Protein backbone atom coordinates (compact mmCIF):
# COMPACT_ATOMS: atom_id res chain seq x y z
CA UNK A 1 -25.29 9.39 18.77
CA UNK A 2 -26.23 12.99 17.91
CA UNK A 3 -22.58 13.98 17.56
CA UNK A 4 -21.95 10.90 15.45
CA UNK A 5 -24.61 12.08 13.00
CA UNK A 6 -23.15 15.59 13.05
CA UNK A 7 -19.72 14.22 12.16
CA UNK A 8 -21.25 12.23 9.32
CA UNK A 9 -22.51 15.49 7.84
CA UNK A 10 -19.37 17.50 8.68
CA UNK A 11 -16.40 18.48 6.56
CA UNK A 12 -12.78 18.62 7.65
CA UNK A 13 -12.87 22.42 7.62
CA UNK A 14 -16.00 22.49 9.77
CA UNK A 15 -14.69 19.89 12.20
CA UNK A 16 -11.35 21.65 12.65
CA UNK A 17 -13.16 24.94 13.25
CA UNK A 18 -15.52 23.44 15.82
CA UNK A 19 -12.60 21.92 17.72
CA UNK A 20 -10.62 25.14 17.60
CA UNK A 21 -13.56 27.20 18.90
CA UNK A 22 -14.32 24.62 21.62
CA UNK A 23 -17.76 23.84 20.20
CA UNK A 24 -16.77 20.17 20.41
CA UNK A 25 -13.78 18.56 22.08
CA UNK A 26 -11.25 16.30 20.34
CA UNK A 27 -12.22 13.53 22.77
CA UNK A 28 -15.90 13.79 21.89
CA UNK A 29 -15.07 13.76 18.18
CA UNK A 30 -12.77 10.78 18.55
CA UNK A 31 -15.28 8.79 20.60
CA UNK A 32 -18.02 9.43 18.02
CA UNK A 33 -15.67 8.48 15.17
CA UNK A 34 -14.64 5.25 16.86
CA UNK A 35 -18.29 4.37 17.50
CA UNK A 36 -19.07 4.85 13.80
CA UNK A 37 -16.16 2.67 12.73
CA UNK A 38 -17.10 -0.04 15.21
CA UNK A 39 -20.65 -0.02 13.83
CA UNK A 40 -19.82 -0.07 10.12
CA UNK A 41 -16.36 -1.43 9.42
CA UNK A 42 -17.30 -5.11 9.51
CA UNK A 43 -19.67 -4.49 6.62
CA UNK A 44 -17.34 -2.24 4.64
CA UNK A 45 -13.93 -3.78 5.43
CA UNK A 46 -12.41 -0.33 5.05
CA UNK A 47 -9.97 -0.56 7.99
CA UNK A 48 -7.42 -3.35 8.42
CA UNK A 49 -5.61 -1.98 11.48
CA UNK A 50 -7.12 0.05 14.30
CA UNK A 51 -5.28 1.92 17.06
CA UNK A 52 -8.15 3.27 19.11
CA UNK A 53 -6.39 3.48 22.46
CA UNK A 54 -3.49 5.43 20.99
CA UNK A 55 -5.98 7.69 19.20
CA UNK A 56 -7.90 8.33 22.41
CA UNK A 57 -4.69 9.26 24.20
CA UNK A 58 -3.80 11.68 21.42
CA UNK A 59 -7.30 13.15 21.53
CA UNK A 60 -6.95 13.74 25.27
CA UNK A 61 -3.62 15.48 24.67
CA UNK A 62 -5.22 17.53 21.89
CA UNK A 63 -8.00 18.58 24.27
CA UNK A 64 -5.48 19.75 26.85
CA UNK A 65 -3.74 21.82 24.18
CA UNK A 66 -7.02 23.49 23.20
CA UNK A 67 -7.74 24.31 26.83
CA UNK A 68 -4.24 25.65 27.47
CA UNK A 69 -4.35 28.11 24.59
CA UNK A 70 -1.42 26.44 22.84
CA UNK A 71 -0.79 27.12 19.18
CA UNK A 72 -2.90 24.67 17.20
CA UNK A 73 -2.23 23.15 13.80
CA UNK A 74 -4.79 23.54 10.99
CA UNK A 75 -6.05 19.96 11.48
CA UNK A 76 -5.88 19.91 15.28
CA UNK A 77 -7.89 17.02 16.70
CA UNK A 78 -9.31 15.86 13.36
CA UNK A 79 -9.44 12.04 13.09
CA UNK A 80 -7.94 10.52 9.96
CA UNK A 81 -6.53 7.25 8.64
CA UNK A 82 -3.52 6.22 6.61
CA UNK A 83 -3.28 3.58 3.94
CA UNK A 84 -1.82 0.10 4.36
CA UNK A 85 0.64 0.07 1.46
CA UNK A 86 3.92 1.99 1.14
CA UNK A 87 2.78 4.11 4.08
CA UNK A 88 4.44 3.93 7.45
CA UNK A 89 4.13 5.00 11.07
CA UNK A 90 6.56 3.74 13.74
CA UNK A 91 5.22 0.76 15.64
CA UNK A 92 2.31 0.14 13.28
CA UNK A 93 2.07 -2.95 11.04
CA UNK A 94 2.50 -2.56 7.31
CA UNK A 95 1.40 -5.45 5.10
CA UNK A 96 2.05 -3.73 1.75
CA UNK A 97 -1.53 -4.32 0.70
CA UNK A 98 -2.46 -7.58 2.40
CA UNK A 99 0.68 -9.66 1.81
CA UNK A 100 0.22 -12.56 4.23
CA UNK A 101 3.94 -12.95 4.96
CA UNK A 102 4.06 -9.30 6.09
CA UNK A 103 1.13 -9.39 8.53
CA UNK A 104 3.55 -8.93 11.44
CA UNK A 105 6.00 -6.55 9.72
CA UNK A 106 6.40 -3.40 11.82
CA UNK A 107 8.61 -0.56 10.49
CA UNK A 108 10.19 2.09 12.72
CA UNK A 109 9.88 5.11 10.41
CA UNK A 110 7.32 7.55 9.03
CA UNK A 111 6.08 8.24 5.55
CA UNK A 112 5.79 11.94 4.78
CA UNK A 113 1.99 11.95 4.86
CA UNK A 114 1.69 10.49 8.36
CA UNK A 115 4.49 12.67 9.68
CA UNK A 116 3.06 15.90 8.32
CA UNK A 117 -0.56 15.14 9.17
CA UNK A 118 0.41 14.60 12.79
CA UNK A 119 2.48 17.79 12.73
CA UNK A 120 -0.67 19.58 11.51
CA UNK A 121 -2.58 18.21 14.50
CA UNK A 122 -4.55 15.38 12.88
CA UNK A 123 -4.94 12.12 14.79
CA UNK A 124 -4.35 8.91 12.84
CA UNK A 125 -6.55 6.15 14.24
CA UNK A 126 -5.95 3.27 11.83
CA UNK A 127 -4.88 1.95 8.45
CA UNK A 128 -7.12 1.30 5.47
CA UNK A 129 -7.30 -1.57 3.02
CA UNK A 130 -5.51 -1.73 -0.34
CA UNK A 131 -4.54 -4.41 -2.90
CA UNK A 132 -1.26 -6.34 -2.92
CA UNK A 133 1.55 -3.87 -3.64
CA UNK A 134 -1.06 -1.45 -5.01
CA UNK A 135 -0.67 -3.07 -8.41
CA UNK A 136 -4.27 -2.76 -9.68
CA UNK A 137 -7.24 -0.42 -9.74
CA UNK A 138 -9.41 -2.50 -7.41
CA UNK A 139 -9.18 -3.03 -3.64
CA UNK A 140 -8.85 -6.68 -2.61
CA UNK A 141 -6.16 -8.98 -1.24
CA UNK A 142 -5.82 -12.53 0.16
CA UNK A 143 -5.14 -11.41 3.75
CA UNK A 144 -8.01 -9.00 4.39
CA UNK A 145 -10.36 -9.49 1.44
CA UNK A 146 -12.18 -6.82 -0.58
CA UNK A 147 -13.38 -3.43 0.58
CA UNK A 148 -17.09 -3.06 -0.10
CA UNK A 149 -18.57 -0.02 -1.78
CA UNK A 150 -20.82 2.05 0.53
CA UNK A 151 -23.25 2.59 -2.36
CA UNK A 152 -23.52 -1.15 -3.05
CA UNK A 153 -21.59 -3.55 -0.80
CA UNK A 154 -21.64 -6.27 -3.45
CA UNK A 155 -19.32 -4.06 -5.49
CA UNK A 156 -15.75 -2.92 -5.11
CA UNK A 157 -14.56 0.52 -4.09
CA UNK A 158 -11.75 0.79 -6.61
CA UNK A 159 -8.13 1.01 -5.56
CA UNK A 160 -5.63 1.10 -4.55
CA UNK A 161 -6.82 3.56 -1.84
CA UNK A 162 -10.15 1.76 -1.61
CA UNK A 163 -10.38 1.51 2.16
CA UNK A 164 -9.79 5.23 2.53
CA UNK A 165 -12.42 6.13 -0.07
CA UNK A 166 -14.99 3.83 1.54
CA UNK A 167 -14.35 5.32 4.99
CA UNK A 168 -14.84 8.87 3.71
CA UNK A 169 -17.88 8.07 1.57
CA UNK A 170 -19.54 6.22 4.45
CA UNK A 171 -19.02 9.17 6.80
CA UNK A 172 -16.60 7.39 9.13
CA UNK A 173 -13.97 10.07 8.50
CA UNK A 174 -13.88 13.46 6.79
CA UNK A 175 -10.42 12.81 5.29
CA UNK A 176 -8.15 9.83 4.71
CA UNK A 177 -4.85 9.24 2.97
CA UNK A 178 -4.71 8.23 -0.66
CA UNK A 179 -1.54 7.46 -2.54
CA UNK A 180 -1.41 7.62 -6.31
CA UNK A 181 0.99 5.90 -8.69
CA UNK A 182 -1.49 5.22 -11.49
CA UNK A 183 -4.73 6.70 -10.20
CA UNK A 184 -5.00 5.23 -6.72
CA UNK A 185 -6.49 8.44 -5.29
CA UNK A 186 -8.75 9.16 -8.25
CA UNK A 187 -9.97 5.63 -9.05
CA UNK A 188 -11.65 4.88 -5.70
CA UNK A 189 -12.80 8.48 -5.45
CA UNK A 190 -14.73 7.95 -8.70
CA UNK A 191 -16.33 4.67 -7.63
CA UNK A 192 -17.15 5.92 -4.11
CA UNK A 193 -18.44 9.36 -5.12
CA UNK A 194 -15.86 11.36 -3.17
CA UNK A 195 -13.25 13.96 -4.10
CA UNK A 196 -9.78 12.62 -4.83
CA UNK A 197 -6.98 15.10 -5.37
CA UNK A 198 -3.52 14.33 -6.78
CA UNK A 199 -1.35 17.39 -6.45
CA UNK A 200 1.53 18.44 -8.72
CA UNK A 201 4.65 16.34 -8.43
CA UNK A 202 6.85 17.80 -5.69
CA UNK A 203 4.06 19.76 -4.01
CA UNK A 204 3.93 17.26 -1.12
CA UNK A 205 7.22 15.53 -0.29
CA UNK A 206 7.59 11.88 -1.20
CA UNK A 207 10.20 10.37 1.10
CA UNK A 208 11.60 6.99 0.13
CA UNK A 209 14.62 5.04 1.28
CA UNK A 210 16.97 3.39 0.45
CA UNK A 211 16.26 5.04 -2.94
CA UNK A 212 15.33 8.73 -2.69
CA UNK A 213 14.44 8.75 -6.41
CA UNK A 214 11.78 6.02 -6.15
CA UNK A 215 8.87 8.30 -7.00
CA UNK A 216 9.83 9.08 -10.59
CA UNK A 217 8.89 6.04 -12.71
CA UNK A 218 5.99 6.71 -12.84
CA UNK A 219 5.42 9.78 -10.66
CA UNK A 220 4.17 8.77 -7.18
CA UNK A 221 2.12 10.89 -4.81
CA UNK A 222 0.71 10.97 -1.27
CA UNK A 223 -2.52 12.92 -1.35
CA UNK A 224 -6.00 13.29 0.12
CA UNK A 225 -9.44 11.75 -0.25
CA UNK A 226 -12.18 14.04 1.07
CA UNK A 227 -15.83 14.87 0.59
CA UNK A 228 -15.31 18.47 -0.45
CA UNK A 229 -12.87 20.44 -2.54
CA UNK A 230 -12.20 22.87 0.30
CA UNK A 231 -11.16 19.98 2.55
CA UNK A 232 -8.62 18.78 -0.01
CA UNK A 233 -7.17 22.28 -0.31
CA UNK A 234 -6.86 22.55 3.47
CA UNK A 235 -5.07 19.20 3.74
CA UNK A 236 -2.64 19.82 0.88
CA UNK A 237 -1.83 23.23 2.34
CA UNK A 238 -1.12 21.56 5.67
CA UNK A 239 1.25 18.88 4.33
CA UNK A 240 2.96 20.68 1.44
CA UNK A 241 6.34 22.35 1.46
CA UNK A 242 10.02 21.61 1.15
CA UNK A 243 11.64 18.59 2.75
CA UNK A 244 15.40 18.06 2.32
CA UNK A 245 14.91 14.29 2.23
CA UNK A 246 13.04 14.57 -1.10
CA UNK A 247 15.24 15.72 -4.01
CA UNK A 248 12.18 17.00 -5.90
CA UNK A 249 10.07 18.67 -3.21
CA UNK A 250 9.10 22.23 -4.07
CA UNK A 251 10.50 24.95 -1.83
CA UNK A 252 7.18 26.72 -1.36
CA UNK A 253 3.96 26.45 0.57
CA UNK A 254 0.91 25.65 -1.48
CA UNK A 255 -1.60 28.28 -0.15
CA UNK A 256 -4.46 26.65 -2.04
CA UNK A 257 -7.47 27.47 0.15
CA UNK A 258 -8.19 30.80 -1.59
CA UNK A 259 -8.50 28.93 -4.90
CA UNK A 260 -11.83 27.38 -3.94
CA UNK A 261 -13.45 30.81 -4.21
CA UNK A 262 -11.77 31.78 -7.48
CA UNK A 263 -14.14 32.26 -10.45
CA UNK A 264 -13.46 30.42 -13.71
CA UNK A 265 -15.40 32.70 -16.02
CA UNK A 266 -13.67 33.00 -19.38
CA UNK A 267 -11.61 29.82 -18.95
CA UNK A 268 -11.08 27.48 -21.88
CA UNK A 269 -11.85 23.86 -20.95
CA UNK A 270 -10.60 21.04 -23.18
CA UNK A 271 -12.87 18.00 -23.06
CA UNK A 272 -11.63 14.60 -24.21
CA UNK A 273 -14.43 12.00 -23.95
CA UNK A 274 -11.99 9.08 -24.06
CA UNK A 275 -8.45 10.44 -23.58
CA UNK A 276 -8.23 9.71 -27.35
CA UNK A 277 -7.76 5.93 -27.09
CA UNK A 278 -9.79 4.44 -24.22
CA UNK A 279 -13.07 2.58 -24.71
CA UNK A 280 -15.64 4.04 -22.31
CA UNK A 281 -18.97 2.56 -21.27
CA UNK A 282 -21.65 4.65 -23.05
CA UNK A 283 -23.60 5.24 -19.84
CA UNK A 284 -20.48 6.54 -18.07
CA UNK A 285 -19.61 8.68 -21.08
CA UNK A 286 -23.09 10.16 -21.05
CA UNK A 287 -22.95 11.20 -17.40
CA UNK A 288 -19.56 12.87 -17.86
CA UNK A 289 -20.68 14.60 -21.08
CA UNK A 290 -23.58 16.12 -19.16
CA UNK A 291 -21.47 17.07 -16.16
CA UNK A 292 -18.80 18.83 -18.22
CA UNK A 293 -21.43 21.31 -19.41
CA UNK A 294 -21.55 22.71 -15.88
CA UNK A 295 -18.35 24.56 -16.73
CA UNK A 296 -20.38 26.63 -19.19
CA UNK A 297 -22.80 27.57 -16.39
CA UNK A 298 -19.73 28.86 -14.53
CA UNK A 299 -18.84 31.07 -17.50
CA UNK A 300 -16.16 28.88 -19.08
CA UNK A 301 -16.00 27.69 -22.67
CA UNK A 302 -15.89 23.92 -23.29
CA UNK A 303 -14.26 22.55 -26.42
CA UNK A 304 -13.97 18.89 -27.37
CA UNK A 305 -10.38 18.07 -28.31
CA UNK A 306 -8.06 15.33 -29.46
CA UNK A 307 -4.67 15.07 -27.82
CA UNK A 308 -2.97 13.29 -30.72
CA UNK A 309 -2.09 10.11 -28.82
CA UNK A 310 -1.02 7.45 -31.31
CA UNK A 311 -0.49 4.45 -29.06
CA UNK A 312 -3.25 1.95 -28.34
CA UNK A 313 -4.63 1.92 -24.80
CA UNK A 314 -3.30 -1.62 -24.28
CA UNK A 315 0.20 -0.42 -25.18
CA UNK A 316 -0.15 2.34 -22.62
CA UNK A 317 -1.41 0.10 -19.80
CA UNK A 318 1.47 -2.30 -20.48
CA UNK A 319 3.79 0.70 -20.37
CA UNK A 320 2.49 1.67 -16.93
CA UNK A 321 2.99 -1.87 -15.65
CA UNK A 322 6.57 -1.98 -16.94
CA UNK A 323 7.40 1.44 -15.49
CA UNK A 324 6.16 0.63 -11.99
CA UNK A 325 7.52 -2.93 -11.90
CA UNK A 326 11.15 -1.91 -11.07
CA UNK A 327 9.90 -0.21 -7.87
CA UNK A 328 8.27 -3.47 -6.87
CA UNK A 329 11.37 -5.48 -7.77
CA UNK A 330 13.43 -3.14 -5.61
CA UNK A 331 11.04 -3.72 -2.69
CA UNK A 332 11.54 -7.48 -2.99
CA UNK A 333 15.30 -7.03 -3.14
CA UNK A 334 15.29 -4.80 -0.04
CA UNK A 335 13.37 -7.42 1.94
CA UNK A 336 15.71 -10.11 0.61
CA UNK A 337 18.78 -8.19 1.81
CA UNK A 338 17.14 -8.08 5.23
CA UNK A 339 16.56 -11.81 5.35
CA UNK A 340 13.05 -12.21 3.93
CA UNK A 341 12.89 -13.70 0.41
CA UNK A 342 9.24 -13.12 -0.40
CA UNK A 343 9.34 -14.48 -3.94
CA UNK A 344 11.21 -17.65 -3.02
CA UNK A 345 9.44 -18.50 0.22
CA UNK A 346 6.01 -16.83 -0.08
CA UNK A 347 5.25 -16.75 -3.79
CA UNK A 348 1.68 -17.92 -3.20
CA UNK A 349 0.97 -14.67 -1.34
CA UNK A 350 0.94 -12.80 -4.66
CA UNK A 351 -1.72 -12.86 -7.41
CA UNK A 352 -0.67 -14.54 -10.68
CA UNK A 353 -1.36 -11.35 -12.66
CA UNK A 354 1.11 -9.51 -10.44
CA UNK A 355 3.75 -12.25 -10.58
CA UNK A 356 3.66 -12.15 -14.36
CA UNK A 357 4.87 -8.55 -14.29
CA UNK A 358 7.39 -9.12 -11.50
CA UNK A 359 8.97 -12.04 -13.36
CA UNK A 360 9.14 -9.89 -16.49
CA UNK A 361 10.59 -7.05 -14.43
CA UNK A 362 13.60 -9.10 -13.47
CA UNK A 363 14.28 -9.54 -17.20
CA UNK A 364 13.81 -5.92 -18.30
CA UNK A 365 16.70 -4.55 -20.35
CA UNK A 366 17.92 -1.00 -20.87
CA UNK A 367 16.68 -0.58 -24.49
CA UNK A 368 13.13 -1.42 -23.43
CA UNK A 369 13.29 0.92 -20.43
CA UNK A 370 14.52 3.80 -22.57
CA UNK A 371 11.92 3.15 -25.25
CA UNK A 372 9.26 3.22 -22.53
CA UNK A 373 10.46 6.64 -21.43
CA UNK A 374 10.15 7.83 -25.03
CA UNK A 375 6.50 6.71 -25.18
CA UNK A 376 5.92 8.34 -21.82
CA UNK A 377 7.35 11.55 -23.27
CA UNK A 378 4.81 11.41 -26.09
CA UNK A 379 1.97 11.32 -23.54
CA UNK A 380 3.54 14.21 -21.63
CA UNK A 381 3.81 16.22 -24.85
CA UNK A 382 0.20 15.41 -25.79
CA UNK A 383 -1.13 16.69 -22.46
CA UNK A 384 1.15 19.72 -22.56
CA UNK A 385 0.01 20.47 -26.10
CA UNK A 386 -3.65 20.68 -25.11
CA UNK A 387 -2.90 22.70 -21.97
CA UNK A 388 -0.79 25.17 -23.93
CA UNK A 389 -3.99 26.91 -25.00
CA UNK A 390 -6.54 25.58 -22.52
CA UNK A 391 -6.82 26.11 -18.79
CA UNK A 392 -7.94 22.59 -18.03
CA UNK A 393 -8.29 19.13 -19.58
CA UNK A 394 -11.36 17.07 -18.60
CA UNK A 395 -11.95 13.33 -19.16
CA UNK A 396 -13.92 10.56 -17.51
CA UNK A 397 -12.01 9.20 -14.53
CA UNK A 398 -12.85 5.57 -15.31
CA UNK A 399 -14.32 3.70 -18.24
CA UNK A 400 -16.86 1.66 -16.28
CA UNK A 401 -19.01 1.35 -13.18
CA UNK A 402 -17.85 -0.51 -10.05
CA UNK A 403 -17.31 -4.23 -10.53
CA UNK A 404 -18.61 -6.94 -8.22
CA UNK A 405 -16.24 -8.28 -5.58
CA UNK A 406 -14.69 -11.70 -6.07
CA UNK A 407 -14.67 -14.37 -3.39
CA UNK A 408 -11.00 -15.36 -3.74
CA UNK A 409 -9.19 -12.16 -2.72
CA UNK A 410 -8.37 -11.34 -6.34
CA UNK A 411 -11.02 -8.90 -7.56
CA UNK A 412 -10.06 -7.38 -10.90
CA UNK A 413 -11.58 -4.81 -13.19
CA UNK A 414 -13.28 -5.68 -16.48
CA UNK A 415 -11.32 -7.41 -19.24
CA UNK A 416 -13.52 -5.80 -21.90
CA UNK A 417 -15.25 -2.46 -22.31
CA UNK A 418 -17.83 -3.04 -25.01
CA UNK A 419 -16.06 -5.07 -27.65
CA UNK A 420 -12.56 -3.79 -26.79
CA UNK A 421 -10.18 -5.88 -24.68
CA UNK A 422 -8.52 -4.01 -21.79
CA UNK A 423 -6.07 -4.98 -19.07
CA UNK A 424 -8.23 -5.93 -16.06
CA UNK A 425 -5.63 -4.54 -13.65
CA UNK A 426 -5.62 -0.92 -14.85
CA UNK A 427 -6.63 -0.72 -18.51
CA UNK A 428 -10.08 0.72 -17.70
CA UNK A 429 -8.59 3.63 -15.76
CA UNK A 430 -8.10 6.93 -17.59
CA UNK A 431 -5.91 8.06 -14.70
CA UNK A 432 -2.47 6.54 -15.19
CA UNK A 433 -1.41 8.74 -18.16
CA UNK A 434 -1.30 11.66 -15.70
CA UNK A 435 1.23 9.70 -13.63
CA UNK A 436 3.40 9.59 -16.73
CA UNK A 437 3.31 13.40 -16.82
CA UNK A 438 3.07 14.65 -13.21
CA UNK A 439 0.27 17.17 -13.82
CA UNK A 440 -2.15 17.95 -10.97
CA UNK A 441 -5.43 16.08 -11.34
CA UNK A 442 -8.61 15.32 -9.45
CA UNK A 443 -11.60 13.04 -9.68
CA UNK A 444 -14.81 14.90 -8.97
CA UNK A 445 -18.28 13.31 -8.58
CA UNK A 446 -20.06 13.68 -11.92
CA UNK A 447 -23.36 11.93 -11.26
CA UNK A 448 -24.96 8.56 -10.63
CA UNK A 449 -26.07 5.57 -12.69
CA UNK A 450 -28.49 3.19 -10.97
CA UNK A 451 -27.28 4.36 -7.57
CA UNK A 452 -23.57 4.01 -8.42
CA UNK A 453 -21.19 7.00 -8.62
CA UNK A 454 -19.38 8.20 -11.74
CA UNK A 455 -16.24 10.34 -11.62
CA UNK A 456 -14.97 13.11 -13.89
CA UNK A 457 -11.22 13.78 -14.10
CA UNK A 458 -9.85 17.34 -14.12
CA UNK A 459 -6.22 17.83 -15.21
CA UNK A 460 -4.40 21.11 -14.79
CA UNK A 461 -1.23 22.68 -16.09
CA UNK A 462 2.01 21.75 -14.40
CA UNK A 463 2.05 23.21 -10.87
CA UNK A 464 -1.34 24.89 -11.43
CA UNK A 465 -2.94 23.14 -8.46
CA UNK A 466 -5.02 26.21 -7.75
CA UNK A 467 -6.67 25.92 -11.19
CA UNK A 468 -7.76 22.32 -10.60
CA UNK A 469 -9.19 23.21 -7.20
CA UNK A 470 -10.91 26.35 -8.49
CA UNK A 471 -12.58 24.43 -11.30
CA UNK A 472 -13.52 21.59 -8.97
CA UNK A 473 -15.09 24.02 -6.50
CA UNK A 474 -17.03 25.73 -9.28
CA UNK A 475 -18.59 22.40 -10.28
CA UNK A 476 -19.27 21.57 -6.63
CA UNK A 477 -21.25 24.82 -6.27
CA UNK A 478 -23.26 24.21 -9.44
CA UNK A 479 -23.73 20.45 -9.00
CA UNK A 480 -23.38 19.78 -5.24
CA UNK A 481 -22.91 16.15 -4.30
CA UNK A 482 -22.97 16.09 -0.48
CA UNK A 483 -26.51 14.71 -0.37
CA UNK A 484 -25.45 11.59 -2.29
CA UNK A 485 -23.68 10.34 0.82
CA UNK A 486 -27.03 10.01 2.52
CA UNK A 487 -27.94 7.29 0.06
CA UNK A 488 -24.69 5.47 0.82
CA UNK A 489 -25.42 5.84 4.52
CA UNK A 490 -28.90 4.46 3.99
CA UNK A 491 -27.47 1.38 2.28
CA UNK A 492 -25.04 0.81 5.15
CA UNK A 493 -27.78 1.34 7.74
CA UNK A 494 -30.06 -1.16 5.98
CA UNK A 495 -27.36 -3.80 6.36
CA UNK A 496 -27.45 -3.30 10.12
CA UNK A 497 -31.12 -4.24 10.35
CA UNK A 498 -31.92 -7.82 11.30
CA UNK A 499 -33.49 -9.91 8.59
CA UNK A 500 -37.26 -10.47 8.87
CA UNK A 501 -38.96 -13.70 7.94
């Protein structure tokens, strides 16, 4: 139990160091991690597949390697989890976000994240919950149900990497996989009070087949959800670098760890309270407006800006849905070629809001697709224009606080922010414009409202990952957030106590 509490308070960097120096063994760490998951997962619903026996065997092998003096990877023996979406490990089930017809689907190949994390020495012990096909900013599905927020289990974690964010916030893991096609790392990071980092496009390989160019429309990423900025830098360093299977992977190692100690004095920070066009809950806006001033305490200059975006936020959320729909259509067609017609035989497995876009996707025509890329270009130019003379662009991560979970497997976000109608799937997320552009971005804990976390989004220049991490670390030093996890832990612990009458 003592080690379990130590792991709850640990970071990935600390845990990897303790294993490497033989202060703790990989087996001890794994046993404590498994005990924590067994105690808390039923209440959180963070994990949907567990492979404890395999993880224990890998931990035993990792312990032998430590004892033998073998060369160890930077994450040697560190427990982690991957996401149950477009994320694969041979022999493990993949339900694509709780699609009932795919509950027994078992691929025989790796995604880049799982492959590289294992090469770095990490031990994957399970898969975490996500929504159907990742096509929304909440975490719920008809097969597994919603993931519950560690800060308030009545509420959702955000998605699509909601299970991963819940596991990290609750102290079950120090790091878990997040993928990001419209904010799926940053959205749950904001609602769960953790650090979600989306690196520059190409920094970490994105391997997709049968179409190697899948990750372009919009830009797709496999990244990290952690508790600290340093942990995210360590993980991205470990999994970055060229891969010949990805036509766009950068032929360079990231080397981001030194950035967390880089000062930001003299930097120019552009602050957009609403990304020009999004309605934002006034309470959320107020927390972010206060948090952004911490940059001035670090010696930077903050300037409120307009990006010059002319399209309404509803036009932009519809644009994101149209851009990502062809990837989903292609997934259905791949299954169909292999004998499983999901839309014809299992249509009821998919939420009606999702089917609306899939049906429209089969009717998309070239003029519309090209016009969409033109609008996307305008967003890219707007972000580039601000970053031409600023070091960083800062916005709220999300427009609202966590929503309550639904009882039907179809939790959605709000349909209105104030008196403005928004798309309940993703319209309240100020994250997806950065997937139009491919810039590095992070969600950093900004503060709390009535015990619920609020996130602040940091966007850097193209390929300037070090800048985003340096700025994030500066805020973490000035406004540390590690103690907030104790309140989440207290909520989870209270749920374990028997009711008194």
